[in-house]
Protein backbone atom coordinates (compact mmCIF):
# COMPACT_ATOMS: atom_id res chain seq x y z
CA UNK A 1 10.05 2.37 252.61
CA UNK A 2 13.01 2.64 255.02
CA UNK A 3 12.58 3.51 258.77
CA UNK A 4 15.04 4.56 261.27
CA UNK A 5 14.33 5.25 264.96
CA UNK A 6 16.61 6.16 267.74
CA UNK A 7 15.90 6.84 271.48
CA UNK A 8 17.97 9.63 273.18
CA UNK A 9 18.64 9.35 276.91
CA UNK A 10 18.31 12.79 278.89
CA UNK A 11 17.39 14.07 282.13
CA UNK A 12 13.95 14.20 281.10
CA UNK A 13 11.77 11.08 279.65
CA UNK A 14 13.62 9.68 276.68
CA UNK A 15 12.75 11.45 273.37
CA UNK A 16 12.57 9.57 270.10
CA UNK A 17 14.00 10.83 266.75
CA UNK A 18 12.70 8.89 263.85
CA UNK A 19 13.30 9.40 259.98
CA UNK A 20 11.13 7.71 257.18
CA UNK A 21 12.20 7.41 253.54
CA UNK A 22 9.39 6.41 251.47
CA UNK A 23 9.42 4.72 247.91
CA UNK A 24 9.08 8.19 246.12
CA UNK A 25 12.29 9.44 248.00
CA UNK A 26 10.51 11.70 250.32
CA UNK A 27 12.05 12.10 253.75
CA UNK A 28 10.07 12.69 257.01
CA UNK A 29 11.81 13.42 260.26
CA UNK A 30 10.25 13.43 263.55
CA UNK A 31 11.99 14.72 266.51
CA UNK A 32 15.24 16.89 266.43
CA UNK A 33 17.36 17.26 263.25
CA UNK A 34 21.06 17.99 264.15
CA UNK A 35 24.18 18.05 262.07
CA UNK A 36 27.86 19.27 262.51
CA UNK A 37 28.80 18.88 258.83
CA UNK A 38 26.37 21.45 257.49
CA UNK A 39 23.50 20.83 255.23
CA UNK A 40 22.46 21.46 251.79
CA UNK A 41 18.84 21.70 250.54
CA UNK A 42 17.81 21.44 246.92
CA UNK A 43 21.61 21.07 245.84
CA UNK A 44 20.58 20.08 242.25
CA UNK A 45 18.99 23.71 241.98
CA UNK A 46 15.42 22.46 241.24
CA UNK A 47 12.21 24.43 241.20
CA UNK A 48 11.14 23.28 244.70
CA UNK A 49 9.99 25.23 247.67
CA UNK A 50 11.51 24.69 251.20
CA UNK A 51 9.36 25.63 254.24
CA UNK A 52 9.78 25.85 257.97
CA UNK A 53 6.39 26.04 259.92
CA UNK A 54 5.46 27.29 263.32
CA UNK A 55 2.52 26.68 265.62
CA UNK A 56 0.44 29.01 263.73
CA UNK A 57 2.09 29.82 260.23
CA UNK A 58 2.79 27.08 257.55
CA UNK A 59 5.19 29.75 256.03
CA UNK A 60 7.20 30.93 258.68
CA UNK A 61 10.29 30.60 256.73
CA UNK A 62 9.60 29.73 252.81
CA UNK A 63 12.34 29.60 250.25
CA UNK A 64 10.75 29.60 246.82
CA UNK A 65 13.09 27.73 244.48
CA UNK A 66 11.00 28.72 241.42
CA UNK A 67 11.04 32.55 241.75
CA UNK A 68 14.35 32.75 243.82
CA UNK A 69 12.46 34.53 246.51
CA UNK A 70 12.54 34.07 250.34
CA UNK A 71 9.39 34.84 252.44
CA UNK A 72 9.23 35.17 256.36
CA UNK A 73 5.85 34.77 257.58
CA UNK A 74 4.36 34.29 253.95
CA UNK A 75 4.76 32.55 250.70
CA UNK A 76 6.82 35.27 248.98
CA UNK A 77 5.58 37.16 246.09
CA UNK A 78 7.13 36.43 242.94
CA UNK A 79 8.34 39.88 241.97
CA UNK A 80 10.46 40.29 245.26
CA UNK A 81 13.73 38.66 246.74
CA UNK A 82 12.75 39.17 250.45
CA UNK A 83 9.06 39.35 251.60
CA UNK A 84 8.28 39.91 255.19
CA UNK A 85 4.56 39.76 256.43
CA UNK A 86 2.64 39.78 259.75
CA UNK A 87 -0.28 37.58 260.02
CA UNK A 88 -2.70 39.97 261.94
CA UNK A 89 -3.81 43.53 263.07
CA UNK A 90 -0.58 44.05 264.94
CA UNK A 91 1.97 46.85 265.21
CA UNK A 92 4.65 45.25 262.67
CA UNK A 93 8.23 45.72 263.49
CA UNK A 94 11.34 44.49 262.06
CA UNK A 95 14.80 44.69 264.11
CA UNK A 96 18.33 45.53 262.91
CA UNK A 97 20.02 46.01 266.36
CA UNK A 98 23.53 45.73 267.75
CA UNK A 99 23.37 45.94 271.56
CA UNK A 100 26.93 45.91 271.92
CA UNK A 101 27.63 49.28 270.10
CA UNK A 102 29.18 51.38 272.92
CA UNK A 103 31.80 53.39 271.01
CA UNK A 104 30.98 56.85 269.53
CA UNK A 105 30.39 56.86 265.80
CA UNK A 106 29.26 53.20 265.59
CA UNK A 107 26.68 52.94 262.70
CA UNK A 108 23.92 50.59 261.64
CA UNK A 109 23.14 51.00 258.05
CA UNK A 110 21.11 49.84 255.08
CA UNK A 111 22.20 50.23 251.63
CA UNK A 112 19.72 50.02 248.88
CA UNK A 113 20.05 50.86 244.98
CA UNK A 114 21.96 49.42 242.20
CA UNK A 115 25.62 49.03 243.61
CA UNK A 116 27.48 49.60 247.03
CA UNK A 117 29.88 51.94 245.35
CA UNK A 118 30.39 54.65 242.78
CA UNK A 119 27.40 56.70 244.00
CA UNK A 120 24.95 54.08 242.71
CA UNK A 121 23.00 53.22 246.06
CA UNK A 122 21.48 55.18 248.82
CA UNK A 123 22.28 54.64 252.54
CA UNK A 124 19.99 54.78 255.61
CA UNK A 125 21.89 54.72 258.91
CA UNK A 126 21.65 55.20 262.61
CA UNK A 127 24.82 56.65 264.29
CA UNK A 128 25.32 55.93 267.84
CA UNK A 129 26.75 58.19 270.32
CA UNK A 130 27.34 58.09 274.04
CA UNK A 131 25.79 61.51 274.32
CA UNK A 132 22.14 61.33 273.48
CA UNK A 133 21.85 64.69 271.95
CA UNK A 134 24.61 63.62 269.25
CA UNK A 135 22.78 60.48 268.15
CA UNK A 136 21.26 60.83 264.74
CA UNK A 137 19.81 59.16 261.67
CA UNK A 138 21.19 60.00 258.22
CA UNK A 139 19.71 59.49 254.73
CA UNK A 140 22.49 59.81 252.04
CA UNK A 141 23.80 58.76 248.66
CA UNK A 142 26.51 56.36 249.39
CA UNK A 143 29.70 57.90 250.58
CA UNK A 144 28.08 61.50 250.74
CA UNK A 145 27.54 62.00 254.33
CA UNK A 146 25.12 64.44 255.98
CA UNK A 147 22.88 65.13 253.09
CA UNK A 148 19.86 64.59 255.43
CA UNK A 149 20.04 64.45 259.17
CA UNK A 150 17.48 63.87 261.89
CA UNK A 151 18.95 64.35 265.48
CA UNK A 152 17.59 62.41 268.42
CA UNK A 153 16.20 65.88 269.87
CA UNK A 154 14.42 66.47 266.68
CA UNK A 155 16.65 69.13 264.64
CA UNK A 156 16.71 68.37 261.14
CA UNK A 157 19.81 69.24 259.11
CA UNK A 158 20.65 69.36 255.26
CA UNK A 159 24.14 69.43 254.37
CA UNK A 160 25.32 69.53 258.15
CA UNK A 161 25.92 66.86 260.64
CA UNK A 162 25.20 68.90 263.62
CA UNK A 163 21.90 71.06 262.99
CA UNK A 164 21.63 73.81 265.58
CA UNK A 165 17.98 74.65 265.05
CA UNK A 166 14.72 72.85 264.23
CA UNK A 167 15.58 73.24 260.45
CA UNK A 168 19.33 73.92 259.66
CA UNK A 169 20.34 74.29 256.00
CA UNK A 170 24.11 74.55 255.20
CA UNK A 171 24.28 76.00 251.83
CA UNK A 172 21.99 77.86 249.50
CA UNK A 173 18.11 77.47 249.92
CA UNK A 174 15.53 78.19 247.42
CA UNK A 175 11.87 78.81 248.03
CA UNK A 176 9.77 79.30 244.78
CA UNK A 177 6.07 79.73 244.14
CA UNK A 178 4.47 79.13 240.86
CA UNK A 179 3.55 82.27 238.78
CA UNK A 180 -0.15 83.66 239.61
CA UNK A 181 -1.90 86.35 241.13
CA UNK A 182 0.86 86.69 243.68
CA UNK A 183 4.20 85.40 242.31
CA UNK A 184 6.23 85.97 245.23
CA UNK A 185 7.16 83.34 247.79
CA UNK A 186 7.30 84.13 251.49
CA UNK A 187 8.16 82.70 254.94
CA UNK A 188 5.77 83.34 257.86
CA UNK A 189 7.69 83.73 261.23
CA UNK A 190 4.66 83.02 263.69
CA UNK A 191 6.65 82.94 266.94
CA UNK A 192 7.70 86.55 266.68
CA UNK A 193 4.39 88.12 265.46
CA UNK A 194 5.77 89.16 262.11
CA UNK A 195 5.98 87.93 258.48
CA UNK A 196 9.10 88.24 256.21
CA UNK A 197 7.64 88.20 252.69
CA UNK A 198 9.62 89.12 249.53
């Protein structure tokens, strides 16, 4: 075994950083680990797991070298790339936030699917606007805008970026009922105390 120890002077009482390399090649570090040259773990590509622990979670960050998976708050499942889990009966949230967006039209988006082009993926995005009423969420096939839009005020648009009503469809709409005793489909307009049926 080889042991290294260094005391670091600071405004607070001296802190000690120590490193121990045992006969099996395992390395233990007590104190701060700093590098200004970068660091590579598992450069040989072995089937090893790298973990970062917190006070209450042994897998606060877990990289599974066997299954090529990353877990946040957990040992990741073998059939996923990224596995994020909470530890208790909490309201669980994950943030993708840019507090510096101040320009109209700035977007925060997640792409998912086969590819990020040629219509092979979907896009879920939030579009910022300095006018609150113009802020919206969109769900589209990639590069096909305004397929489904939810405005901050609650209006829903299909095929339009600016729905003017609670439901605004730009294009044809089909309402169909399965054949039966009454084969006609209908819309009830409750607010006007009448029904339009056809």
